[in-house]
Protein backbone atom coordinates (compact mmCIF):
# COMPACT_ATOMS: atom_id res chain seq x y z
CA MET A 1 0.00 0.00 0.00
CA GLY A 2 2.92 2.32 0.76
CA GLU A 3 4.26 1.85 -2.78
CA LYS A 4 0.95 3.04 -4.26
CA LYS A 5 1.03 6.08 -2.00
CA GLY A 6 4.56 6.86 -3.17
CA ILE A 7 3.57 6.57 -6.82
CA ARG A 8 0.50 8.74 -6.25
CA LYS A 9 2.63 11.35 -4.49
CA GLN A 10 5.14 11.35 -7.35
CA LEU A 11 2.41 11.69 -9.98
CA ASN A 12 0.77 14.52 -8.04
CA SER A 13 4.08 16.36 -7.86
CA GLU A 14 4.39 16.06 -11.65
CA VAL A 15 0.78 17.03 -12.37
CA GLU A 16 0.44 20.02 -10.04
CA PRO A 17 2.86 22.26 -12.00
CA LEU A 18 1.06 21.31 -15.23
CA ASN A 19 -2.27 22.31 -13.68
CA SER A 20 -0.89 25.75 -12.92
CA GLU A 21 0.07 26.10 -16.59
CA VAL A 22 -3.26 24.81 -17.91
CA THR A 23 -5.60 26.81 -15.68
CA PRO A 24 -4.79 30.21 -17.24
CA LEU A 25 -5.12 28.69 -20.70
CA ASN A 26 -8.63 27.52 -19.85
CA SER A 27 -9.69 31.12 -19.32
CA GLU A 28 -8.31 31.99 -22.76
CA VAL A 29 -10.01 29.02 -24.45
CA ALA A 30 -13.47 29.49 -22.94
CA PRO A 31 -14.34 32.62 -24.99
CA LEU A 32 -13.04 30.94 -28.14
CA ASN A 33 -15.39 28.02 -27.57
CA SER A 34 -18.35 30.39 -27.67
CA GLU A 35 -17.09 31.74 -31.00
CA VAL A 36 -16.54 28.27 -32.46
CA ALA A 37 -19.88 26.73 -31.44
CA PRO A 38 -21.97 28.67 -34.00
CA LEU A 39 -19.42 27.90 -36.71
CA ASN A 40 -19.79 24.18 -36.02
CA SER A 41 -23.48 24.40 -36.85
CA GLU A 42 -22.57 26.04 -40.17
CA VAL A 43 -19.92 23.45 -40.99
CA ALA A 44 -22.00 20.35 -40.20
CA PRO A 45 -24.26 20.62 -43.28
CA LEU A 46 -21.22 21.28 -45.47
CA ASN A 47 -19.63 18.05 -44.26
CA SER A 48 -22.61 16.11 -45.58
CA GLU A 49 -22.15 17.79 -48.97
CA VAL A 50 -18.41 17.12 -49.06
CA ALA A 51 -18.54 13.44 -48.12
CA PRO A 52 -20.04 12.25 -51.43
CA LEU A 53 -17.62 14.48 -53.34
CA ASN A 54 -14.70 12.82 -51.56
CA SER A 55 -15.81 9.41 -52.78
CA LYS A 56 -16.16 10.74 -56.34
CA VAL A 57 -12.67 12.24 -56.17
CA GLU A 58 -11.26 8.95 -54.90
CA PHE A 59 -13.00 7.09 -57.75
CA LEU A 60 -11.59 9.52 -60.32
CA ARG A 61 -8.12 9.26 -58.78
CA LEU A 62 -8.19 5.48 -59.06
CA LYS A 63 -9.49 5.70 -62.63
CA TYR A 64 -6.71 8.15 -63.53
CA GLU A 65 -4.08 5.85 -62.01
CA SER A 66 -5.48 2.91 -63.95
CA LEU A 67 -5.38 4.87 -67.19
CA GLN A 68 -1.81 5.94 -66.46
CA MET A 69 -0.79 2.34 -65.88
CA ILE A 70 -2.38 1.33 -69.20
CA ASN A 71 -0.70 4.26 -70.95
CA ASP A 72 2.69 3.33 -69.47
CA GLN A 73 2.53 -0.21 -70.90
């Protein structure tokens, strides 16, 4: 049990300085989150439009590669 306490103490000593670095960053990030949230709702519908285009692009890329291989022969 003492070994676990020692490990916990060591981890706490490593984490505590990191917490003091992260806490001020949280106050900087919070306002940005409120700016980003509305943008997410604008981006979501665009993602559903882009997804099918990605598969078409991949198909055309594969077709192009196939044609190149045929041309190279």
